[in-house]
Amino acid sequence: MRWLTLTLTLLIVSVQWPLWLGKGSWFRVWQLDRQLQQQRVVNQKLIARNAALDAEVQDLKQGTAAIEERARNELGMIRNGEIFFQILGPVDANSR
């Protein structure tokens, strides 16, 4: 009777081994699920960033206001007939 119990226990363990610790085990499924959730968070951030970039591209294609704003801020350009004033900070007496 003891051998039968030992044999059946060994048989059950050998059948359960791949389920718990093998290539397609529950532990591996849990790991993949966690990675999938993390990737979904990353994807949501990228989708939001892409939507903002797409809106900016559409604005640049359709309107001149965004182009003008970029030209003024990034390139320092002004329109014809405008007067440019540059306000300097206080001058240090030791730097003269």
PDB file of N, CA and C in Angstrom:
ATOM      1  N   MET A   1       0.830  -1.195   0.000  1.00  0.00           N
ATOM      2  CA  MET A   1       0.000   0.000   0.000  1.00  0.00           C
ATOM      3  C   MET A   1       0.874   1.258   0.000  1.00  0.00           C
ATOM      4  N   ARG A   2       1.973   1.206   0.712  1.00  0.00           N
ATOM      5  CA  ARG A   2       2.863   2.353   0.809  1.00  0.00           C
ATOM      6  C   ARG A   2       3.469   2.670  -0.563  1.00  0.00           C
ATOM      7  N   TRP A   3       3.817   1.648  -1.324  1.00  0.00           N
ATOM      8  CA  TRP A   3       4.394   1.859  -2.648  1.00  0.00           C
ATOM      9  C   TRP A   3       3.383   2.462  -3.614  1.00  0.00           C
ATOM     10  N   LEU A   4       2.161   2.049  -3.482  1.00  0.00           N
ATOM     11  CA  LEU A   4       1.107   2.585  -4.334  1.00  0.00           C
ATOM     12  C   LEU A   4       0.898   4.080  -4.072  1.00  0.00           C
ATOM     13  N   THR A   5       0.878   4.456  -2.809  1.00  0.00           N
ATOM     14  CA  THR A   5       0.727   5.867  -2.441  1.00  0.00           C
ATOM     15  C   THR A   5       1.906   6.678  -2.949  1.00  0.00           C
ATOM     16  N   LEU A   6       3.086   6.172  -2.773  1.00  0.00           N
ATOM     17  CA  LEU A   6       4.294   6.856  -3.227  1.00  0.00           C
ATOM     18  C   LEU A   6       4.303   6.976  -4.754  1.00  0.00           C
ATOM     19  N   THR A   7       3.906   5.950  -5.445  1.00  0.00           N
ATOM     20  CA  THR A   7       3.872   5.959  -6.901  1.00  0.00           C
ATOM     21  C   THR A   7       2.834   6.962  -7.415  1.00  0.00           C
ATOM     22  N   LEU A   8       1.650   6.935  -6.828  1.00  0.00           N
ATOM     23  CA  LEU A   8       0.612   7.881  -7.238  1.00  0.00           C
ATOM     24  C   LEU A   8       1.012   9.329  -6.940  1.00  0.00           C
ATOM     25  N   THR A   9       1.641   9.563  -5.809  1.00  0.00           N
ATOM     26  CA  THR A   9       2.120  10.913  -5.458  1.00  0.00           C
ATOM     27  C   THR A   9       3.168  11.374  -6.451  1.00  0.00           C
ATOM     28  N   LEU A  10       4.080  10.495  -6.793  1.00  0.00           N
ATOM     29  CA  LEU A  10       5.121  10.824  -7.768  1.00  0.00           C
ATOM     30  C   LEU A  10       4.508  11.091  -9.147  1.00  0.00           C
ATOM     31  N   LEU A  11       3.506  10.319  -9.510  1.00  0.00           N
ATOM     32  CA  LEU A  11       2.823  10.522 -10.780  1.00  0.00           C
ATOM     33  C   LEU A  11       2.089  11.862 -10.806  1.00  0.00           C
ATOM     34  N   ILE A  12       1.423  12.213  -9.742  1.00  0.00           N
ATOM     35  CA  ILE A  12       0.716  13.500  -9.665  1.00  0.00           C
ATOM     36  C   ILE A  12       1.700  14.671  -9.735  1.00  0.00           C
ATOM     37  N   VAL A  13       2.812  14.554  -9.032  1.00  0.00           N
ATOM     38  CA  VAL A  13       3.831  15.616  -9.059  1.00  0.00           C
ATOM     39  C   VAL A  13       4.412  15.759 -10.464  1.00  0.00           C
ATOM     40  N   SER A  14       4.658  14.649 -11.123  1.00  0.00           N
ATOM     41  CA  SER A  14       5.232  14.722 -12.464  1.00  0.00           C
ATOM     42  C   SER A  14       4.245  15.326 -13.471  1.00  0.00           C
ATOM     43  N   VAL A  15       2.964  15.129 -13.260  1.00  0.00           N
ATOM     44  CA  VAL A  15       1.958  15.721 -14.144  1.00  0.00           C
ATOM     45  C   VAL A  15       1.789  17.221 -13.845  1.00  0.00           C
ATOM     46  N   GLN A  16       1.876  17.583 -12.589  1.00  0.00           N
ATOM     47  CA  GLN A  16       1.694  18.978 -12.186  1.00  0.00           C
ATOM     48  C   GLN A  16       2.932  19.843 -12.432  1.00  0.00           C
ATOM     49  N   TRP A  17       4.095  19.244 -12.552  1.00  0.00           N
ATOM     50  CA  TRP A  17       5.352  19.991 -12.701  1.00  0.00           C
ATOM     51  C   TRP A  17       5.314  21.006 -13.860  1.00  0.00           C
ATOM     52  N   PRO A  18       4.921  20.599 -15.072  1.00  0.00           N
ATOM     53  CA  PRO A  18       4.890  21.574 -16.171  1.00  0.00           C
ATOM     54  C   PRO A  18       3.872  22.702 -15.950  1.00  0.00           C
ATOM     55  N   LEU A  19       2.794  22.398 -15.253  1.00  0.00           N
ATOM     56  CA  LEU A  19       1.771  23.399 -15.001  1.00  0.00           C
ATOM     57  C   LEU A  19       2.293  24.518 -14.105  1.00  0.00           C
ATOM     58  N   TRP A  20       3.082  24.175 -13.113  1.00  0.00           N
ATOM     59  CA  TRP A  20       3.552  25.177 -12.148  1.00  0.00           C
ATOM     60  C   TRP A  20       4.928  25.737 -12.484  1.00  0.00           C
ATOM     61  N   LEU A  21       5.811  24.932 -13.055  1.00  0.00           N
ATOM     62  CA  LEU A  21       7.183  25.385 -13.243  1.00  0.00           C
ATOM     63  C   LEU A  21       7.699  25.237 -14.667  1.00  0.00           C
ATOM     64  N   GLY A  22       6.912  24.746 -15.579  1.00  0.00           N
ATOM     65  CA  GLY A  22       7.380  24.511 -16.948  1.00  0.00           C
ATOM     66  C   GLY A  22       7.359  25.763 -17.808  1.00  0.00           C
ATOM     67  N   LYS A  23       7.511  25.557 -19.114  1.00  0.00           N
ATOM     68  CA  LYS A  23       7.597  26.658 -20.071  1.00  0.00           C
ATOM     69  C   LYS A  23       6.300  27.479 -20.113  1.00  0.00           C
ATOM     70  N   GLY A  24       5.159  26.844 -20.048  1.00  0.00           N
ATOM     71  CA  GLY A  24       3.872  27.546 -20.070  1.00  0.00           C
ATOM     72  C   GLY A  24       3.211  27.566 -18.711  1.00  0.00           C
ATOM     73  N   SER A  25       3.981  27.749 -17.680  1.00  0.00           N
ATOM     74  CA  SER A  25       3.473  27.638 -16.304  1.00  0.00           C
ATOM     75  C   SER A  25       2.647  28.867 -15.915  1.00  0.00           C
ATOM     76  N   TRP A  26       1.957  28.717 -14.787  1.00  0.00           N
ATOM     77  CA  TRP A  26       1.166  29.820 -14.252  1.00  0.00           C
ATOM     78  C   TRP A  26       2.062  30.989 -13.876  1.00  0.00           C
ATOM     79  N   PHE A  27       3.230  30.696 -13.356  1.00  0.00           N
ATOM     80  CA  PHE A  27       4.165  31.747 -12.979  1.00  0.00           C
ATOM     81  C   PHE A  27       4.569  32.559 -14.192  1.00  0.00           C
ATOM     82  N   ARG A  28       4.829  31.913 -15.309  1.00  0.00           N
ATOM     83  CA  ARG A  28       5.197  32.608 -16.546  1.00  0.00           C
ATOM     84  C   ARG A  28       4.023  33.440 -17.063  1.00  0.00           C
ATOM     85  N   VAL A  29       2.827  32.922 -16.949  1.00  0.00           N
ATOM     86  CA  VAL A  29       1.635  33.656 -17.369  1.00  0.00           C
ATOM     87  C   VAL A  29       1.479  34.914 -16.517  1.00  0.00           C
ATOM     88  N   TRP A  30       1.696  34.816 -15.216  1.00  0.00           N
ATOM     89  CA  TRP A  30       1.612  35.987 -14.340  1.00  0.00           C
ATOM     90  C   TRP A  30       2.671  37.027 -14.713  1.00  0.00           C
ATOM     91  N   GLN A  31       3.887  36.573 -15.019  1.00  0.00           N
ATOM     92  CA  GLN A  31       4.943  37.499 -15.436  1.00  0.00           C
ATOM     93  C   GLN A  31       4.563  38.220 -16.723  1.00  0.00           C
ATOM     94  N   LEU A  32       4.075  37.489 -17.692  1.00  0.00           N
ATOM     95  CA  LEU A  32       3.686  38.089 -18.966  1.00  0.00           C
ATOM     96  C   LEU A  32       2.520  39.054 -18.806  1.00  0.00           C
ATOM     97  N   ASP A  33       1.594  38.728 -17.918  1.00  0.00           N
ATOM     98  CA  ASP A  33       0.467  39.621 -17.663  1.00  0.00           C
ATOM     99  C   ASP A  33       0.952  40.930 -17.049  1.00  0.00           C
ATOM    100  N   ARG A  34       1.887  40.858 -16.130  1.00  0.00           N
ATOM    101  CA  ARG A  34       2.445  42.061 -15.512  1.00  0.00           C
ATOM    102  C   ARG A  34       3.183  42.910 -16.548  1.00  0.00           C
ATOM    103  N   GLN A  35       3.955  42.263 -17.422  1.00  0.00           N
ATOM    104  CA  GLN A  35       4.650  42.991 -18.483  1.00  0.00           C
ATOM    105  C   GLN A  35       3.656  43.640 -19.448  1.00  0.00           C
ATOM    106  N   LEU A  36       2.580  42.940 -19.730  1.00  0.00           N
ATOM    107  CA  LEU A  36       1.550  43.467 -20.623  1.00  0.00           C
ATOM    108  C   LEU A  36       0.904  44.715 -20.025  1.00  0.00           C
ATOM    109  N   GLN A  37       0.608  44.693 -18.742  1.00  0.00           N
ATOM    110  CA  GLN A  37       0.027  45.860 -18.086  1.00  0.00           C
ATOM    111  C   GLN A  37       0.989  47.044 -18.105  1.00  0.00           C
ATOM    112  N   GLN A  38       2.274  46.798 -17.864  1.00  0.00           N
ATOM    113  CA  GLN A  38       3.261  47.872 -17.909  1.00  0.00           C
ATOM    114  C   GLN A  38       3.364  48.447 -19.320  1.00  0.00           C
ATOM    115  N   GLN A  39       3.335  47.604 -20.320  1.00  0.00           N
ATOM    116  CA  GLN A  39       3.428  48.072 -21.701  1.00  0.00           C
ATOM    117  C   GLN A  39       2.190  48.870 -22.090  1.00  0.00           C
ATOM    118  N   ARG A  40       1.035  48.500 -21.569  1.00  0.00           N
ATOM    119  CA  ARG A  40      -0.181  49.263 -21.860  1.00  0.00           C
ATOM    120  C   ARG A  40      -0.081  50.680 -21.294  1.00  0.00           C
ATOM    121  N   VAL A  41       0.508  50.828 -20.116  1.00  0.00           N
ATOM    122  CA  VAL A  41       0.708  52.161 -19.534  1.00  0.00           C
ATOM    123  C   VAL A  41       1.630  52.979 -20.420  1.00  0.00           C
ATOM    124  N   VAL A  42       2.725  52.378 -20.873  1.00  0.00           N
ATOM    125  CA  VAL A  42       3.665  53.067 -21.760  1.00  0.00           C
ATOM    126  C   VAL A  42       2.964  53.451 -23.061  1.00  0.00           C
ATOM    127  N   ASN A  43       2.170  52.553 -23.602  1.00  0.00           N
ATOM    128  CA  ASN A  43       1.457  52.821 -24.855  1.00  0.00           C
ATOM    129  C   ASN A  43       0.480  53.986 -24.708  1.00  0.00           C
ATOM    130  N   GLN A  44      -0.210  54.068 -23.565  1.00  0.00           N
ATOM    131  CA  GLN A  44      -1.149  55.166 -23.350  1.00  0.00           C
ATOM    132  C   GLN A  44      -0.421  56.510 -23.335  1.00  0.00           C
ATOM    133  N   LYS A  45       0.755  56.558 -22.706  1.00  0.00           N
ATOM    134  CA  LYS A  45       1.542  57.796 -22.686  1.00  0.00           C
ATOM    135  C   LYS A  45       1.987  58.165 -24.099  1.00  0.00           C
ATOM    136  N   LEU A  46       2.402  57.170 -24.869  1.00  0.00           N
ATOM    137  CA  LEU A  46       2.832  57.438 -26.242  1.00  0.00           C
ATOM    138  C   LEU A  46       1.672  57.866 -27.127  1.00  0.00           C
ATOM    139  N   ILE A  47       0.505  57.317 -26.901  1.00  0.00           N
ATOM    140  CA  ILE A  47      -0.677  57.717 -27.664  1.00  0.00           C
ATOM    141  C   ILE A  47      -1.017  59.174 -27.378  1.00  0.00           C
ATOM    142  N   ALA A  48      -0.932  59.573 -26.110  1.00  0.00           N
ATOM    143  CA  ALA A  48      -1.206  60.968 -25.760  1.00  0.00           C
ATOM    144  C   ALA A  48      -0.176  61.899 -26.395  1.00  0.00           C
ATOM    145  N   ARG A  49       1.093  61.511 -26.359  1.00  0.00           N
ATOM    146  CA  ARG A  49       2.144  62.327 -26.974  1.00  0.00           C
ATOM    147  C   ARG A  49       1.942  62.435 -28.482  1.00  0.00           C
ATOM    148  N   ASN A  50       1.594  61.326 -29.122  1.00  0.00           N
ATOM    149  CA  ASN A  50       1.353  61.336 -30.569  1.00  0.00           C
ATOM    150  C   ASN A  50       0.158  62.214 -30.935  1.00  0.00           C
ATOM    151  N   ALA A  51      -0.872  62.202 -30.105  1.00  0.00           N
ATOM    152  CA  ALA A  51      -2.036  63.047 -30.377  1.00  0.00           C
ATOM    153  C   ALA A  51      -1.655  64.522 -30.284  1.00  0.00           C
ATOM    154  N   ALA A  52      -0.829  64.875 -29.299  1.00  0.00           N
ATOM    155  CA  ALA A  52      -0.386  66.270 -29.171  1.00  0.00           C
ATOM    156  C   ALA A  52       0.467  66.670 -30.368  1.00  0.00           C
ATOM    157  N   LEU A  53       1.349  65.791 -30.806  1.00  0.00           N
ATOM    158  CA  LEU A  53       2.180  66.089 -31.977  1.00  0.00           C
ATOM    159  C   LEU A  53       1.335  66.190 -33.245  1.00  0.00           C
ATOM    160  N   ASP A  54       0.343  65.342 -33.360  1.00  0.00           N
ATOM    161  CA  ASP A  54      -0.540  65.391 -34.526  1.00  0.00           C
ATOM    162  C   ASP A  54      -1.320  66.705 -34.553  1.00  0.00           C
ATOM    163  N   ALA A  55      -1.784  67.154 -33.399  1.00  0.00           N
ATOM    164  CA  ALA A  55      -2.499  68.429 -33.335  1.00  0.00           C
ATOM    165  C   ALA A  55      -1.579  69.578 -33.731  1.00  0.00           C
ATOM    166  N   GLU A  56      -0.336  69.512 -33.299  1.00  0.00           N
ATOM    167  CA  GLU A  56       0.622  70.558 -33.660  1.00  0.00           C
ATOM    168  C   GLU A  56       0.908  70.548 -35.167  1.00  0.00           C
ATOM    169  N   VAL A  57       1.028  69.370 -35.750  1.00  0.00           N
ATOM    170  CA  VAL A  57       1.259  69.263 -37.192  1.00  0.00           C
ATOM    171  C   VAL A  57       0.065  69.827 -37.957  1.00  0.00           C
ATOM    172  N   GLN A  58      -1.139  69.482 -37.536  1.00  0.00           N
ATOM    173  CA  GLN A  58      -2.336  69.995 -38.204  1.00  0.00           C
ATOM    174  C   GLN A  58      -2.408  71.514 -38.094  1.00  0.00           C
ATOM    175  N   ASP A  59      -2.043  72.052 -36.936  1.00  0.00           N
ATOM    176  CA  ASP A  59      -2.042  73.497 -36.751  1.00  0.00           C
ATOM    177  C   ASP A  59      -1.017  74.156 -37.661  1.00  0.00           C
ATOM    178  N   LEU A  60       0.149  73.535 -37.791  1.00  0.00           N
ATOM    179  CA  LEU A  60       1.176  74.092 -38.663  1.00  0.00           C
ATOM    180  C   LEU A  60       0.771  74.020 -40.138  1.00  0.00           C
ATOM    181  N   LYS A  61       0.041  72.969 -40.506  1.00  0.00           N
ATOM    182  CA  LYS A  61      -0.394  72.832 -41.894  1.00  0.00           C
ATOM    183  C   LYS A  61      -1.501  73.814 -42.240  1.00  0.00           C
ATOM    184  N   GLN A  62      -2.411  74.067 -41.313  1.00  0.00           N
ATOM    185  CA  GLN A  62      -3.607  74.841 -41.627  1.00  0.00           C
ATOM    186  C   GLN A  62      -3.488  76.316 -41.257  1.00  0.00           C
ATOM    187  N   GLY A  63      -2.851  76.627 -40.175  1.00  0.00           N
ATOM    188  CA  GLY A  63      -2.844  78.005 -39.718  1.00  0.00           C
ATOM    189  C   GLY A  63      -1.471  78.641 -39.780  1.00  0.00           C
ATOM    190  N   THR A  64      -1.483  79.951 -39.864  1.00  0.00           N
ATOM    191  CA  THR A  64      -0.208  80.676 -39.895  1.00  0.00           C
ATOM    192  C   THR A  64       0.191  81.146 -38.510  1.00  0.00           C
ATOM    193  N   ALA A  65      -0.724  81.098 -37.553  1.00  0.00           N
ATOM    194  CA  ALA A  65      -0.424  81.594 -36.208  1.00  0.00           C
ATOM    195  C   ALA A  65       0.680  80.765 -35.550  1.00  0.00           C
ATOM    196  N   ALA A  66       0.629  79.466 -35.716  1.00  0.00           N
ATOM    197  CA  ALA A  66       1.652  78.618 -35.095  1.00  0.00           C
ATOM    198  C   ALA A  66       3.001  78.825 -35.761  1.00  0.00           C
ATOM    199  N   ILE A  67       3.000  79.002 -37.071  1.00  0.00           N
ATOM    200  CA  ILE A  67       4.254  79.241 -37.785  1.00  0.00           C
ATOM    201  C   ILE A  67       4.853  80.566 -37.347  1.00  0.00           C
ATOM    202  N   GLU A  68       4.000  81.581 -37.237  1.00  0.00           N
ATOM    203  CA  GLU A  68       4.471  82.900 -36.811  1.00  0.00           C
ATOM    204  C   GLU A  68       5.016  82.855 -35.387  1.00  0.00           C
ATOM    205  N   GLU A  69       4.329  82.136 -34.511  1.00  0.00           N
ATOM    206  CA  GLU A  69       4.789  82.012 -33.121  1.00  0.00           C
ATOM    207  C   GLU A  69       6.159  81.344 -33.053  1.00  0.00           C
ATOM    208  N   ARG A  70       6.345  80.281 -33.807  1.00  0.00           N
ATOM    209  CA  ARG A  70       7.648  79.608 -33.822  1.00  0.00           C
ATOM    210  C   ARG A  70       8.732  80.510 -34.394  1.00  0.00           C
ATOM    211  N   ALA A  71       8.415  81.246 -35.447  1.00  0.00           N
ATOM    212  CA  ALA A  71       9.405  82.143 -36.047  1.00  0.00           C
ATOM    213  C   ALA A  71       9.814  83.224 -35.061  1.00  0.00           C
ATOM    214  N   ARG A  72       8.878  83.737 -34.306  1.00  0.00           N
ATOM    215  CA  ARG A  72       9.197  84.776 -33.324  1.00  0.00           C
ATOM    216  C   ARG A  72      10.015  84.219 -32.158  1.00  0.00           C
ATOM    217  N   ASN A  73       9.581  83.111 -31.596  1.00  0.00           N
ATOM    218  CA  ASN A  73      10.227  82.579 -30.390  1.00  0.00           C
ATOM    219  C   ASN A  73      11.549  81.881 -30.671  1.00  0.00           C
ATOM    220  N   GLU A  74      11.585  81.060 -31.689  1.00  0.00           N
ATOM    221  CA  GLU A  74      12.772  80.239 -31.923  1.00  0.00           C
ATOM    222  C   GLU A  74      13.798  80.926 -32.822  1.00  0.00           C
ATOM    223  N   LEU A  75      13.331  81.750 -33.752  1.00  0.00           N
ATOM    224  CA  LEU A  75      14.254  82.356 -34.710  1.00  0.00           C
ATOM    225  C   LEU A  75      14.452  83.848 -34.477  1.00  0.00           C
ATOM    226  N   GLY A  76      13.657  84.454 -33.602  1.00  0.00           N
ATOM    227  CA  GLY A  76      13.796  85.874 -33.309  1.00  0.00           C
ATOM    228  C   GLY A  76      13.348  86.768 -34.457  1.00  0.00           C
ATOM    229  N   MET A  77      12.443  86.312 -35.281  1.00  0.00           N
ATOM    230  CA  MET A  77      12.001  87.082 -36.444  1.00  0.00           C
ATOM    231  C   MET A  77      10.897  88.066 -36.046  1.00  0.00           C
ATOM    232  N   ILE A  78      10.792  89.165 -36.813  1.00  0.00           N
ATOM    233  CA  ILE A  78       9.730  90.142 -36.620  1.00  0.00           C
ATOM    234  C   ILE A  78       9.116  90.454 -37.980  1.00  0.00           C
ATOM    235  N   ARG A  79       7.920  91.048 -37.975  1.00  0.00           N
ATOM    236  CA  ARG A  79       7.227  91.407 -39.213  1.00  0.00           C
ATOM    237  C   ARG A  79       7.781  92.714 -39.769  1.00  0.00           C
ATOM    238  N   ASN A  80       7.501  92.932 -41.032  1.00  0.00           N
ATOM    239  CA  ASN A  80       7.845  94.223 -41.630  1.00  0.00           C
ATOM    240  C   ASN A  80       7.025  95.320 -40.957  1.00  0.00           C
ATOM    241  N   GLY A  81       7.658  96.418 -40.632  1.00  0.00           N
ATOM    242  CA  GLY A  81       6.965  97.539 -40.009  1.00  0.00           C
ATOM    243  C   GLY A  81       6.910  97.458 -38.501  1.00  0.00           C
ATOM    244  N   GLU A  82       7.303  96.373 -37.910  1.00  0.00           N
ATOM    245  CA  GLU A  82       7.326  96.260 -36.457  1.00  0.00           C
ATOM    246  C   GLU A  82       8.625  96.839 -35.922  1.00  0.00           C
ATOM    247  N   ILE A  83       8.570  97.297 -34.694  1.00  0.00           N
ATOM    248  CA  ILE A  83       9.761  97.816 -34.028  1.00  0.00           C
ATOM    249  C   ILE A  83      10.125  96.836 -32.923  1.00  0.00           C
ATOM    250  N   PHE A  84      11.392  96.456 -32.880  1.00  0.00           N
ATOM    251  CA  PHE A  84      11.873  95.475 -31.910  1.00  0.00           C
ATOM    252  C   PHE A  84      12.566  96.206 -30.766  1.00  0.00           C
ATOM    253  N   PHE A  85      12.119  95.954 -29.558  1.00  0.00           N
ATOM    254  CA  PHE A  85      12.744  96.514 -28.365  1.00  0.00           C
ATOM    255  C   PHE A  85      13.396  95.378 -27.595  1.00  0.00           C
ATOM    256  N   GLN A  86      14.660  95.563 -27.238  1.00  0.00           N
ATOM    257  CA  GLN A  86      15.358  94.568 -26.426  1.00  0.00           C
ATOM    258  C   GLN A  86      15.670  95.209 -25.093  1.00  0.00           C
ATOM    259  N   ILE A  87      15.175  94.621 -24.043  1.00  0.00           N
ATOM    260  CA  ILE A  87      15.380  95.160 -22.701  1.00  0.00           C
ATOM    261  C   ILE A  87      16.492  94.360 -22.058  1.00  0.00           C
ATOM    262  N   LEU A  88      17.543  95.049 -21.710  1.00  0.00           N
ATOM    263  CA  LEU A  88      18.692  94.414 -21.085  1.00  0.00           C
ATOM    264  C   LEU A  88      18.572  94.496 -19.574  1.00  0.00           C
ATOM    265  N   GLY A  89      19.165  93.553 -18.904  1.00  0.00           N
ATOM    266  CA  GLY A  89      19.183  93.556 -17.452  1.00  0.00           C
ATOM    267  C   GLY A  89      20.152  94.601 -16.934  1.00  0.00           C
ATOM    268  N   PRO A  90      20.204  94.774 -15.629  1.00  0.00           N
ATOM    269  CA  PRO A  90      21.120  95.772 -15.059  1.00  0.00           C
ATOM    270  C   PRO A  90      22.573  95.404 -15.344  1.00  0.00           C
ATOM    271  N   VAL A  91      23.363  96.417 -15.584  1.00  0.00           N
ATOM    272  CA  VAL A  91      24.780  96.234 -15.885  1.00  0.00           C
ATOM    273  C   VAL A  91      25.564  96.198 -14.579  1.00  0.00           C
ATOM    274  N   ASP A  92      26.408  95.205 -14.437  1.00  0.00           N
ATOM    275  CA  ASP A  92      27.228  95.079 -13.235  1.00  0.00           C
ATOM    276  C   ASP A  92      28.410  96.036 -13.353  1.00  0.00           C
ATOM    277  N   ALA A  93      28.705  96.801 -12.307  1.00  0.00           N
ATOM    278  CA  ALA A  93      29.775  97.806 -12.338  1.00  0.00           C
ATOM    279  C   ALA A  93      31.156  97.148 -12.472  1.00  0.00           C
ATOM    280  N   ASN A  94      31.308  95.920 -12.037  1.00  0.00           N
ATOM    281  CA  ASN A  94      32.605  95.248 -12.092  1.00  0.00           C
ATOM    282  C   ASN A  94      32.895  94.684 -13.473  1.00  0.00           C
ATOM    283  N   SER A  95      31.903  94.559 -14.330  1.00  0.00           N
ATOM    284  CA  SER A  95      32.121  93.954 -15.640  1.00  0.00           C
ATOM    285  C   SER A  95      32.620  94.950 -16.685  1.00  0.00           C
ATOM    286  N   ARG A  96      32.661  96.251 -16.356  1.00  0.00           N
ATOM    287  CA  ARG A  96      33.133  97.268 -17.324  1.00  0.00           C
ATOM    288  C   ARG A  96      34.591  97.362 -17.361  1.00  0.00           C
TER     289      ARG A  96
END
